[in-house]
Amino acid sequence: MGTLFVGGTIYTMETADTKVEAVYTEAGYIVETGTEAGLKTAYQEQITEVFDLEGAVMYPGFVDSHLHIMGHGEKLLHLDLSQMLSAEAVLEAIKQKITTLDPGEWLIAEGWNENQWEESRIIDKNELDAISAEHPMMLTRVCRHAIIVNSKALELAGITKRTPDPQGGKIVCDKQGDPTGYLLDQAQELVKETVPEESEKRLKQTIQVAIEDLLRLGLVGGHSEDLFYYGGFKRTLEAYQAILPTKYKFRAHLLVHHQVFDEMVQKGYRYGDGGEFTTLGAMKFFSDGALGGRTAWLKEPYADDPDNVGIPIHTSADLEQLFQKARSYQHPVAVHAIGDQAVEEIVKLIAKYPLANGLRDRIIHAQVVDNQLIERLKETAVVLDIQPSFVVSDFPWVIKRLGTERAMNSYPWQTYTTQGIACAGGSDAPIEEVNPLLGIQAAVTRRSRIDQQIYGKDQQLSVFDAISLYTKGSAFVISHEENRGMIKSGYTADFTVLEHDLFSHEPDRFHEIAVKATIVDGEVMYQK
């Protein structure tokens, strides 16, 4: 009837040094923690299984508070450009991939990042056209706020030199006014709308491949926003429900894109509906772009582009209408805001339209802030959804974007913590690697993977605070702090078991630690 977990180190995460010897669980919940002898005596008639940790270390289950589950699956299934170090390597990979496609089939690739190339430049449509004029191509930047396409894709999308920039987007053109194939933010949608819809079989495959990988990496859950991009709310939710919990148990908390919010309402769903493992979350929308493509919305211009302050995705009036729509159902919002101007706009609207039901809004990223904004955030009922790995991948190039002073005051994870601003931790996969140990490592070390230097040493988090982002923080942002995120009586039996102890291991080597087991709802979903 129940399982006793013993034989290793068990951190409850109530405090940095709170450990227990054993945990007894029943029906997916923790019944009691204590000593091995005490629990064996108390529950000797109910214990039907003993899980021997064999010296390993058990934590509350790690949850990624911001990723794109289906995007991660696509990265695993599509051509992955994220590790390539030059434009030439990308073009060569495309040449090879083209030979495997059917006539006229789309080539879709993920993750290029010119900031890690030997020569930082943007590939031109003509270079893609030289590889194939028959296959439409779409290469998504690592940040997912920009794509490069070839002429065939532009033709299918009807993009010409006369096509105006959409609100919140930019069609980059050459000196003659012709589109180069480089599309920023909302301009991407002009092409994405022409890509053939994935089959239901492919949707389910994408979700299953992603979930298998997330469980392998020790994640028991993730907060994802996928319900708009793959054929609509109902179709995508049903694809998730075909996998969870039928094939696997994994706690998918699904944010609802504002463009399918009405469909959700019409289907009779509200916040928290959808099932224990496919739970519907906040209304998700974007207020700006990203720093990589200089589309994050800033108060002051980019240091390396003095005429540019970024791109607001919505007008101020449209932003307010989105808040009003969410609040008409007392629904929380989850807003992508990277630049300080974007964060400020959202803070104002949260203050103007407060929630009255105890649910929590979130600002996703909140990377560029100033002292005035820090003070505003302290007074605002909001959780910041931060991605520690952004420090690792954005420095040192982000210094050129923002200037030294503004860059070094950004990504202020320790300031958020010491000022009592609630935070949750995620990866934004597939933009960054989804491995939660990489995120915890980044929060503790802030060491760039580009030049191996530490940026913002005073903003490093303790190991306890870093782990808390992925346990207590991820639970708090969805109002589950009373039953998730710690190992306590009455909490869910979700555990991440590692071969080594994060509290005594060298932080720069956290990523080398193997996951021994991932347990969700009291059941082993992955075991090494």
Protein backbone atom coordinates (compact mmCIF):
# COMPACT_ATOMS: atom_id res chain seq x y z
CA MET A 1 0.00 0.00 0.00
CA GLY A 2 2.92 2.34 0.65
CA THR A 3 6.61 2.91 -0.09
CA LEU A 4 9.44 3.59 2.33
CA PHE A 5 12.39 5.56 0.95
CA VAL A 6 15.62 4.89 2.87
CA GLY A 7 19.34 4.38 2.48
CA GLY A 8 20.60 7.80 1.45
CA THR A 9 20.61 11.50 2.22
CA ILE A 10 17.19 13.17 2.06
CA TYR A 11 16.93 16.97 1.97
CA THR A 12 13.47 18.29 2.80
CA MET A 13 14.34 21.85 1.60
CA GLU A 14 12.53 23.38 4.57
CA THR A 15 15.89 24.94 5.50
CA ALA A 16 19.38 24.49 4.10
CA ASP A 17 20.33 21.82 6.63
CA THR A 18 17.02 20.02 7.23
CA LYS A 19 17.50 16.34 6.46
CA VAL A 20 15.58 13.19 7.33
CA GLU A 21 16.55 9.54 7.32
CA ALA A 22 13.43 8.11 5.73
CA VAL A 23 10.18 9.02 3.98
CA TYR A 24 6.97 6.99 3.90
CA THR A 25 4.48 7.60 1.05
CA GLU A 26 1.03 6.37 0.11
CA ALA A 27 -1.20 7.08 -2.92
CA GLY A 28 1.12 9.72 -4.32
CA TYR A 29 1.58 11.71 -1.09
CA ILE A 30 4.09 11.86 1.72
CA VAL A 31 2.55 10.44 4.88
CA GLU A 32 5.45 11.00 7.26
CA THR A 33 9.17 11.65 7.44
CA GLY A 34 11.51 10.50 10.20
CA THR A 35 13.97 7.76 11.10
CA GLU A 36 14.10 4.48 9.25
CA ALA A 37 13.46 2.50 12.43
CA GLY A 38 10.62 4.75 13.52
CA LEU A 39 8.76 4.65 10.19
CA LYS A 40 9.26 0.90 9.82
CA THR A 41 7.71 0.39 13.24
CA ALA A 42 4.84 2.82 12.66
CA TYR A 43 3.91 1.53 9.19
CA GLN A 44 5.14 -2.06 9.23
CA GLU A 45 1.76 -3.40 8.10
CA GLN A 46 1.28 -0.82 5.30
CA ILE A 47 4.78 -0.88 3.76
CA THR A 48 4.64 -2.89 0.54
CA GLU A 49 7.83 -1.57 -1.07
CA VAL A 50 11.18 -0.27 0.15
CA PHE A 51 13.07 2.03 -2.21
CA ASP A 52 16.75 1.80 -1.31
CA LEU A 53 18.54 5.00 -2.31
CA GLU A 54 21.85 3.10 -2.14
CA GLY A 55 23.71 6.11 -0.83
CA ALA A 56 22.21 8.59 -3.30
CA VAL A 57 20.70 11.98 -2.44
CA MET A 58 16.97 12.74 -2.65
CA TYR A 59 15.41 16.19 -3.07
CA PRO A 60 11.86 17.42 -3.66
CA GLY A 61 11.16 16.91 -7.35
CA PHE A 62 12.71 19.55 -9.59
CA VAL A 63 10.21 21.53 -11.69
CA ASP A 64 11.16 23.82 -14.58
CA SER A 65 8.99 26.92 -14.16
CA HIS A 66 9.41 28.12 -17.74
CA LEU A 67 10.12 25.96 -20.75
CA HIS A 68 8.50 24.97 -24.02
CA ILE A 69 7.92 21.24 -23.75
CA MET A 70 6.91 20.78 -27.37
CA GLY A 71 9.71 23.08 -28.49
CA HIS A 72 12.12 20.83 -26.62
CA GLY A 73 10.62 17.83 -28.40
CA GLU A 74 11.00 19.61 -31.74
CA LYS A 75 14.65 20.32 -30.96
CA LEU A 76 15.19 16.61 -30.36
CA LEU A 77 13.40 15.69 -33.60
CA HIS A 78 14.49 18.56 -35.89
CA LEU A 79 17.91 19.67 -37.12
CA ASP A 80 19.67 21.13 -34.05
CA LEU A 81 21.96 24.09 -34.77
CA SER A 82 22.60 25.12 -31.16
CA GLN A 83 26.11 23.71 -30.86
CA MET A 84 27.43 24.99 -34.19
CA LEU A 85 30.21 27.58 -34.08
CA SER A 86 30.02 29.20 -37.51
CA ALA A 87 27.58 30.14 -40.26
CA GLU A 88 29.47 27.76 -42.53
CA ALA A 89 28.80 24.84 -40.19
CA VAL A 90 25.09 25.71 -40.21
CA LEU A 91 24.98 25.86 -44.00
CA GLU A 92 26.82 22.55 -44.32
CA ALA A 93 24.34 20.89 -41.92
CA ILE A 94 21.46 22.22 -44.01
CA LYS A 95 23.03 20.83 -47.20
CA GLN A 96 23.20 17.39 -45.61
CA LYS A 97 19.68 17.56 -44.18
CA ILE A 98 18.17 18.59 -47.53
CA THR A 99 19.23 15.26 -49.04
CA THR A 100 16.95 13.41 -46.58
CA LEU A 101 13.77 15.38 -47.39
CA ASP A 102 10.95 14.63 -49.79
CA PRO A 103 10.48 17.01 -52.78
CA GLY A 104 9.11 20.35 -51.59
CA GLU A 105 9.24 19.37 -47.92
CA TRP A 106 9.99 22.13 -45.39
CA LEU A 107 13.40 22.20 -43.79
CA ILE A 108 12.99 23.33 -40.18
CA ALA A 109 16.02 23.84 -37.97
CA GLU A 110 16.39 25.09 -34.41
CA GLY A 111 18.81 27.02 -32.24
CA TRP A 112 21.32 29.02 -34.31
CA ASN A 113 23.17 31.65 -32.30
CA GLU A 114 25.46 34.05 -34.14
CA ASN A 115 26.90 35.31 -30.84
CA GLN A 116 28.80 32.04 -30.41
CA TRP A 117 30.06 31.90 -34.00
CA GLU A 118 33.65 32.66 -34.95
CA GLU A 119 32.26 35.50 -37.12
CA SER A 120 29.03 37.01 -35.79
CA ARG A 121 26.75 37.62 -38.77
CA ILE A 122 23.24 36.84 -39.99
CA ILE A 123 22.84 34.27 -42.76
CA ASP A 124 21.16 35.75 -45.84
CA LYS A 125 18.29 34.18 -47.80
CA ASN A 126 20.57 34.01 -50.86
CA GLU A 127 22.88 31.58 -49.06
CA LEU A 128 19.90 29.34 -48.36
CA ASP A 129 18.60 29.72 -51.92
CA ALA A 130 21.96 28.48 -53.20
CA ILE A 131 21.40 25.22 -51.31
CA SER A 132 17.84 24.69 -52.52
CA ALA A 133 15.18 26.77 -54.26
CA GLU A 134 12.68 23.89 -54.02
CA HIS A 135 12.47 23.42 -50.26
CA PRO A 136 11.08 26.20 -48.07
CA MET A 137 13.45 26.71 -45.11
CA MET A 138 12.97 28.17 -41.65
CA LEU A 139 15.88 28.47 -39.21
CA THR A 140 14.81 29.57 -35.73
CA ARG A 141 17.25 31.56 -33.60
CA VAL A 142 18.09 30.19 -30.16
CA CYS A 143 15.96 32.90 -28.47
CA ARG A 144 12.94 32.05 -30.66
CA HIS A 145 12.46 35.75 -31.35
CA ALA A 146 13.94 35.63 -34.86
CA ILE A 147 14.03 33.36 -37.88
CA ILE A 148 15.96 33.18 -41.13
CA VAL A 149 14.03 31.93 -44.16
CA ASN A 150 14.79 31.44 -47.82
CA SER A 151 13.04 32.95 -50.84
CA LYS A 152 10.67 29.99 -51.18
CA ALA A 153 9.38 30.54 -47.65
CA LEU A 154 9.03 34.30 -48.27
CA GLU A 155 7.08 33.54 -51.44
CA LEU A 156 4.70 31.15 -49.64
CA ALA A 157 4.14 33.78 -46.94
CA GLY A 158 3.54 36.52 -49.50
CA ILE A 159 6.32 38.71 -48.09
CA THR A 160 7.70 41.25 -50.55
CA LYS A 161 9.38 44.66 -50.36
CA ARG A 162 5.88 46.16 -50.10
CA THR A 163 4.88 44.14 -47.03
CA PRO A 164 4.63 46.44 -43.97
CA ASP A 165 6.12 45.49 -40.61
CA PRO A 166 3.44 43.98 -38.36
CA GLN A 167 2.87 45.42 -34.87
CA GLY A 168 5.57 44.00 -32.65
CA GLY A 169 7.73 42.72 -35.49
CA LYS A 170 10.23 43.68 -38.19
CA ILE A 171 10.94 42.43 -41.69
CA VAL A 172 14.63 43.18 -42.16
CA CYS A 173 15.41 44.49 -45.66
CA ASP A 174 18.57 45.29 -47.60
CA LYS A 175 19.53 48.70 -49.02
CA GLN A 176 17.29 48.09 -52.04
CA GLY A 177 14.31 47.41 -49.78
CA ASP A 178 14.17 43.68 -50.48
CA PRO A 179 13.56 41.30 -47.55
CA THR A 180 16.76 39.52 -46.50
CA GLY A 181 14.92 36.57 -44.98
CA TYR A 182 15.62 37.77 -41.43
CA LEU A 183 12.33 38.21 -39.53
CA LEU A 184 12.02 39.48 -35.96
CA ASP A 185 9.36 38.69 -33.37
CA GLN A 186 5.81 39.03 -34.75
CA ALA A 187 7.09 39.09 -38.33
CA GLN A 188 7.95 35.43 -37.81
CA GLU A 189 4.25 34.59 -37.69
CA LEU A 190 3.82 35.55 -41.35
CA VAL A 191 5.94 32.53 -42.27
CA LYS A 192 4.93 30.21 -39.45
CA GLU A 193 1.30 30.46 -40.54
CA THR A 194 2.24 28.83 -43.86
CA VAL A 195 4.07 25.83 -42.35
CA PRO A 196 1.90 22.70 -42.73
CA GLU A 197 0.13 21.64 -39.54
CA GLU A 198 1.65 18.70 -37.72
CA SER A 199 -0.36 15.46 -37.66
CA GLU A 200 -1.86 14.31 -34.36
CA LYS A 201 0.56 11.40 -34.40
CA ARG A 202 3.49 13.80 -34.76
CA LEU A 203 2.17 16.03 -31.94
CA LYS A 204 1.99 13.09 -29.58
CA GLN A 205 5.43 11.90 -30.64
CA THR A 206 6.87 15.37 -29.99
CA ILE A 207 5.35 15.48 -26.50
CA GLN A 208 6.40 11.93 -25.64
CA VAL A 209 10.00 12.42 -26.78
CA ALA A 210 10.21 15.61 -24.71
CA ILE A 211 8.67 14.10 -21.56
CA GLU A 212 10.97 11.08 -21.71
CA ASP A 213 13.98 13.40 -21.85
CA LEU A 214 12.73 15.67 -19.06
CA LEU A 215 12.18 12.70 -16.75
CA ARG A 216 15.64 11.39 -17.60
CA LEU A 217 17.08 14.72 -16.46
CA GLY A 218 15.33 14.60 -13.10
CA LEU A 219 12.38 16.89 -13.81
CA VAL A 220 9.04 15.87 -12.31
CA GLY A 221 7.16 18.74 -13.96
CA GLY A 222 7.34 21.85 -16.09
CA HIS A 223 5.37 25.01 -16.82
CA SER A 224 4.97 25.31 -20.59
CA GLU A 225 3.11 27.41 -23.15
CA ASP A 226 2.21 25.29 -26.17
CA LEU A 227 -1.56 25.54 -26.61
CA PHE A 228 -1.55 28.03 -29.49
CA TYR A 229 1.17 26.98 -31.91
CA TYR A 230 0.17 23.43 -32.81
CA GLY A 231 -3.34 23.61 -34.16
CA GLY A 232 -5.26 25.23 -31.35
CA PHE A 233 -6.20 24.80 -27.71
CA LYS A 234 -8.32 21.63 -27.84
CA ARG A 235 -6.10 19.74 -30.29
CA THR A 236 -2.92 20.39 -28.32
CA LEU A 237 -4.44 19.78 -24.89
CA GLU A 238 -5.83 16.44 -26.08
CA ALA A 239 -2.39 15.48 -27.45
CA TYR A 240 -0.92 16.17 -24.00
CA GLN A 241 -3.69 14.20 -22.31
CA ALA A 242 -2.98 11.23 -24.59
CA ILE A 243 0.52 11.05 -23.08
CA LEU A 244 -0.07 12.33 -19.52
CA PRO A 245 -0.70 10.37 -17.39
CA THR A 246 -1.57 7.50 -19.78
CA LYS A 247 2.05 6.77 -20.71
CA TYR A 248 3.96 8.82 -18.12
CA LYS A 249 3.32 10.82 -14.99
CA PHE A 250 4.76 14.31 -15.27
CA ARG A 251 3.17 17.50 -13.94
CA ALA A 252 2.65 19.70 -17.00
CA HIS A 253 1.31 23.11 -16.00
CA LEU A 254 0.11 24.62 -19.29
CA LEU A 255 0.01 28.38 -19.70
CA VAL A 256 -2.72 29.58 -22.08
CA HIS A 257 -1.63 31.87 -24.92
CA HIS A 258 -3.87 34.92 -25.15
CA GLN A 259 -4.93 33.98 -28.69
CA VAL A 260 -6.55 30.74 -27.49
CA PHE A 261 -7.88 32.12 -24.20
CA ASP A 262 -11.35 32.60 -25.67
CA GLU A 263 -11.34 29.03 -26.96
CA MET A 264 -10.42 27.80 -23.46
CA VAL A 265 -13.34 29.75 -21.98
CA GLN A 266 -15.76 28.51 -24.66
CA LYS A 267 -14.77 24.92 -23.88
CA GLY A 268 -15.75 25.53 -20.26
CA TYR A 269 -12.24 25.49 -18.80
CA ARG A 270 -10.85 27.82 -16.15
CA TYR A 271 -7.55 28.19 -14.30
CA GLY A 272 -6.55 24.91 -12.65
CA ASP A 273 -8.74 22.72 -14.87
CA GLY A 274 -7.46 20.12 -17.32
CA GLY A 275 -6.41 17.34 -14.95
CA GLU A 276 -3.71 16.81 -12.36
CA PHE A 277 -0.99 16.24 -14.94
CA THR A 278 -2.18 18.66 -17.66
CA THR A 279 -3.27 21.63 -15.56
CA LEU A 280 -4.24 24.91 -17.20
CA GLY A 281 -2.37 27.97 -15.97
CA ALA A 282 -2.12 31.72 -16.44
CA MET A 283 -2.89 33.67 -19.61
CA LYS A 284 0.46 34.05 -21.42
CA PHE A 285 1.43 36.94 -23.66
CA PHE A 286 4.52 38.87 -24.73
CA SER A 287 5.29 42.50 -24.00
CA ASP A 288 8.66 42.63 -25.79
CA GLY A 289 11.26 40.58 -27.65
CA ALA A 290 14.80 39.52 -26.72
CA LEU A 291 18.23 41.08 -26.25
CA GLY A 292 19.88 38.90 -28.88
CA GLY A 293 17.89 40.47 -31.71
CA ARG A 294 17.73 43.89 -29.97
CA THR A 295 13.95 43.64 -29.63
CA ALA A 296 13.71 43.65 -25.81
CA TRP A 297 11.94 46.91 -24.88
CA LEU A 298 14.32 49.22 -23.00
CA LYS A 299 13.98 52.60 -21.29
CA GLU A 300 17.21 53.79 -22.90
CA PRO A 301 18.57 52.83 -26.36
CA TYR A 302 20.85 49.88 -27.00
CA ALA A 303 24.50 50.75 -26.49
CA ASP A 304 25.36 49.22 -29.87
CA ASP A 305 22.28 50.58 -31.67
CA PRO A 306 21.65 54.15 -30.39
CA ASP A 307 18.44 54.65 -32.39
CA ASN A 308 16.78 51.51 -31.08
CA VAL A 309 14.95 50.88 -27.79
CA GLY A 310 13.49 47.54 -28.87
CA ILE A 311 9.99 46.52 -29.90
CA PRO A 312 6.81 46.56 -27.81
CA ILE A 313 4.83 43.55 -29.00
CA HIS A 314 1.48 45.21 -28.19
CA THR A 315 0.33 48.79 -27.97
CA SER A 316 -0.31 50.05 -24.45
CA ALA A 317 -4.06 49.94 -25.10
CA ASP A 318 -3.87 46.32 -26.28
CA LEU A 319 -1.80 45.33 -23.26
CA GLU A 320 -4.43 46.79 -20.96
CA GLN A 321 -7.20 44.99 -22.82
CA LEU A 322 -5.39 41.68 -22.30
CA PHE A 323 -5.25 42.36 -18.57
CA GLN A 324 -8.91 43.29 -18.54
CA LYS A 325 -9.86 40.08 -20.35
CA ALA A 326 -7.89 37.92 -17.91
CA ARG A 327 -9.28 39.74 -14.89
CA SER A 328 -12.86 39.38 -16.11
CA TYR A 329 -12.37 35.72 -15.15
CA GLN A 330 -10.04 36.49 -12.19
CA HIS A 331 -7.35 34.73 -14.22
CA PRO A 332 -3.65 35.37 -13.52
CA VAL A 333 -1.28 36.47 -16.27
CA ALA A 334 2.22 35.33 -17.22
CA VAL A 335 3.93 38.04 -19.24
CA HIS A 336 7.21 37.79 -21.13
CA ALA A 337 9.13 40.97 -20.25
CA ILE A 338 12.91 41.18 -20.65
CA GLY A 339 13.62 44.92 -20.97
CA ASP A 340 13.13 47.44 -18.17
CA GLN A 341 10.47 49.38 -20.07
CA ALA A 342 8.50 46.18 -20.67
CA VAL A 343 8.78 45.19 -16.99
CA GLU A 344 7.64 48.65 -15.91
CA GLU A 345 4.57 48.53 -18.14
CA ILE A 346 3.52 45.17 -16.68
CA VAL A 347 4.14 46.25 -13.10
CA LYS A 348 1.82 49.23 -13.64
CA LEU A 349 -0.94 47.00 -15.01
CA ILE A 350 -0.64 44.43 -12.23
CA ALA A 351 -1.03 47.26 -9.72
CA LYS A 352 -4.02 48.65 -11.63
CA TYR A 353 -5.73 45.25 -11.97
CA PRO A 354 -4.88 43.24 -8.82
CA LEU A 355 -6.06 39.67 -8.37
CA ALA A 356 -8.48 39.07 -5.52
CA ASN A 357 -8.45 35.27 -5.34
CA GLY A 358 -4.97 34.38 -4.10
CA LEU A 359 -3.65 33.26 -7.49
CA ARG A 360 -0.35 34.71 -8.68
CA ASP A 361 0.77 36.68 -11.71
CA ARG A 362 4.24 36.15 -13.08
CA ILE A 363 6.70 38.23 -15.07
CA ILE A 364 8.81 35.92 -17.20
CA HIS A 365 12.55 36.79 -17.46
CA ALA A 366 12.74 40.29 -15.84
CA GLN A 367 16.39 40.54 -16.90
CA VAL A 368 16.99 44.28 -17.25
CA VAL A 369 15.85 46.33 -14.26
CA ASP A 370 16.97 49.47 -12.42
CA ASN A 371 16.79 50.41 -8.73
CA GLN A 372 13.45 52.15 -9.16
CA LEU A 373 11.97 48.99 -10.68
CA ILE A 374 13.38 46.85 -7.86
CA GLU A 375 11.47 49.02 -5.38
CA ARG A 376 8.30 48.72 -7.47
CA LEU A 377 8.66 44.94 -7.70
CA LYS A 378 8.99 44.69 -3.90
CA GLU A 379 5.55 46.29 -3.62
CA THR A 380 3.94 44.25 -6.41
CA ALA A 381 2.10 40.96 -5.97
CA VAL A 382 4.05 39.11 -8.63
CA VAL A 383 6.47 36.20 -9.01
CA LEU A 384 9.52 36.58 -11.27
CA ASP A 385 10.13 33.61 -13.51
CA ILE A 386 13.92 33.75 -13.98
CA GLN A 387 16.28 31.68 -16.12
CA PRO A 388 19.72 31.44 -14.46
CA SER A 389 21.32 29.95 -17.58
CA PHE A 390 20.80 33.22 -19.46
CA VAL A 391 23.78 34.65 -17.57
CA VAL A 392 25.93 31.78 -18.82
CA SER A 393 24.96 32.25 -22.47
CA ASP A 394 24.45 36.04 -22.65
CA PHE A 395 27.73 37.25 -21.18
CA PRO A 396 29.98 38.77 -22.40
CA TRP A 397 28.14 39.76 -25.61
CA VAL A 398 25.25 41.36 -23.72
CA ILE A 399 27.67 44.02 -22.40
CA LYS A 400 27.92 45.39 -25.95
CA ARG A 401 24.11 45.49 -26.19
CA LEU A 402 23.48 47.25 -22.88
CA GLY A 403 26.74 48.96 -21.95
CA THR A 404 28.83 47.89 -18.98
CA GLU A 405 26.90 49.57 -16.15
CA ARG A 406 23.44 48.50 -17.30
CA ALA A 407 24.59 44.96 -18.11
CA MET A 408 26.28 44.44 -14.75
CA ASN A 409 23.13 45.61 -12.95
CA SER A 410 20.99 43.16 -14.89
CA TYR A 411 20.09 39.52 -14.15
CA PRO A 412 20.07 40.46 -10.41
CA TRP A 413 19.04 37.10 -8.92
CA GLN A 414 20.60 37.72 -5.49
CA THR A 415 19.01 41.16 -5.23
CA TYR A 416 15.60 39.67 -5.95
CA THR A 417 16.16 37.08 -3.23
CA THR A 418 17.46 39.44 -0.55
CA GLN A 419 14.72 41.98 -1.29
CA GLY A 420 12.03 39.36 -0.76
CA ILE A 421 10.86 39.29 -4.38
CA ALA A 422 9.48 35.82 -5.06
CA CYS A 423 11.22 33.91 -7.85
CA ALA A 424 10.85 30.59 -9.65
CA GLY A 425 13.51 28.99 -11.83
CA GLY A 426 13.38 27.61 -15.34
CA SER A 427 15.42 27.02 -18.47
CA ASP A 428 13.31 28.47 -21.30
CA ALA A 429 14.23 25.30 -23.18
CA PRO A 430 14.81 24.80 -26.04
CA ILE A 431 16.42 28.26 -25.91
CA GLU A 432 18.75 26.97 -23.17
CA GLU A 433 19.66 23.42 -22.20
CA VAL A 434 16.80 21.96 -20.17
CA ASN A 435 18.97 20.15 -17.60
CA PRO A 436 17.99 21.65 -14.20
CA LEU A 437 21.48 20.98 -12.84
CA LEU A 438 22.84 23.42 -15.43
CA GLY A 439 20.37 26.02 -14.20
CA ILE A 440 21.28 25.47 -10.56
CA GLN A 441 24.96 25.61 -11.49
CA ALA A 442 24.46 28.86 -13.38
CA ALA A 443 22.62 30.46 -10.46
CA VAL A 444 25.45 29.56 -8.08
CA THR A 445 28.49 30.29 -10.29
CA ARG A 446 27.35 32.81 -12.95
CA ARG A 447 30.26 31.57 -15.05
CA SER A 448 29.96 32.27 -18.79
CA ARG A 449 30.30 29.25 -21.01
CA ILE A 450 31.67 31.57 -23.71
CA ASP A 451 34.78 32.91 -21.95
CA GLN A 452 34.63 31.05 -18.59
CA GLN A 453 34.57 34.32 -16.65
CA ILE A 454 32.24 35.05 -13.72
CA TYR A 455 29.82 37.94 -14.29
CA GLY A 456 28.08 39.56 -11.33
CA LYS A 457 29.74 37.67 -8.50
CA ASP A 458 27.68 39.66 -5.98
CA GLN A 459 24.54 38.20 -7.58
CA GLN A 460 25.53 34.55 -7.10
CA LEU A 461 22.96 32.47 -5.20
CA SER A 462 23.64 29.96 -2.45
CA VAL A 463 23.11 26.32 -3.36
CA PHE A 464 20.02 26.26 -1.16
CA ASP A 465 18.48 29.31 -2.85
CA ALA A 466 19.33 27.94 -6.29
CA ILE A 467 17.66 24.58 -5.62
CA SER A 468 14.70 26.43 -4.06
CA LEU A 469 14.02 28.11 -7.42
CA TYR A 470 13.25 24.70 -8.94
CA THR A 471 11.36 23.29 -5.94
CA LYS A 472 9.66 25.78 -3.62
CA GLY A 473 9.72 28.59 -6.20
CA SER A 474 8.07 26.56 -8.94
CA ALA A 475 5.40 25.46 -6.47
CA PHE A 476 4.78 28.97 -5.12
CA VAL A 477 4.18 30.60 -8.51
CA ILE A 478 1.22 28.24 -9.13
CA SER A 479 -0.09 28.47 -5.54
CA HIS A 480 0.97 24.94 -4.59
CA GLU A 481 3.39 25.90 -1.80
CA GLU A 482 1.25 23.98 0.72
CA ASN A 483 1.65 20.61 -1.01
CA ARG A 484 4.61 20.75 -3.42
CA GLY A 485 8.25 21.78 -3.38
CA MET A 486 9.31 20.24 -0.05
CA ILE A 487 9.53 16.80 1.50
CA LYS A 488 6.93 17.07 4.25
CA SER A 489 3.83 15.28 5.42
CA GLY A 490 0.93 16.03 3.09
CA TYR A 491 3.12 17.02 0.14
CA THR A 492 3.21 15.21 -3.19
CA ALA A 493 5.55 12.24 -3.46
CA ASP A 494 7.61 13.83 -6.26
CA PHE A 495 11.36 13.31 -5.86
CA THR A 496 14.57 13.87 -7.78
CA VAL A 497 17.34 11.45 -6.79
CA LEU A 498 20.94 12.37 -7.65
CA GLU A 499 24.10 10.31 -7.29
CA HIS A 500 25.93 13.12 -5.46
CA ASP A 501 25.11 15.84 -2.95
CA LEU A 502 24.74 19.34 -4.44
CA PHE A 503 25.52 20.89 -1.04
CA SER A 504 28.99 19.35 -0.92
CA HIS A 505 29.84 19.05 -4.64
CA GLU A 506 31.96 21.52 -6.64
CA PRO A 507 29.36 23.92 -8.19
CA ASP A 508 31.21 24.19 -11.51
CA ARG A 509 30.69 20.44 -11.88
CA PHE A 510 27.01 20.13 -10.94
CA HIS A 511 26.19 19.27 -14.55
CA GLU A 512 28.30 16.10 -14.27
CA ILE A 513 26.10 14.65 -11.52
CA ALA A 514 23.97 11.77 -12.76
CA VAL A 515 20.26 11.48 -12.10
CA LYS A 516 19.62 8.16 -10.39
CA ALA A 517 15.82 8.27 -10.34
CA THR A 518 12.84 10.51 -11.01
CA ILE A 519 9.71 9.77 -8.99
CA VAL A 520 6.33 11.36 -9.73
CA ASP A 521 3.18 10.77 -7.70
CA GLY A 522 5.05 8.06 -5.79
CA GLU A 523 5.89 6.11 -8.97
CA VAL A 524 9.32 5.67 -10.54
CA MET A 525 9.20 7.34 -13.95
CA TYR A 526 12.92 7.08 -14.64
CA GLN A 527 15.66 5.00 -13.08
CA LYS A 528 19.27 4.87 -14.16
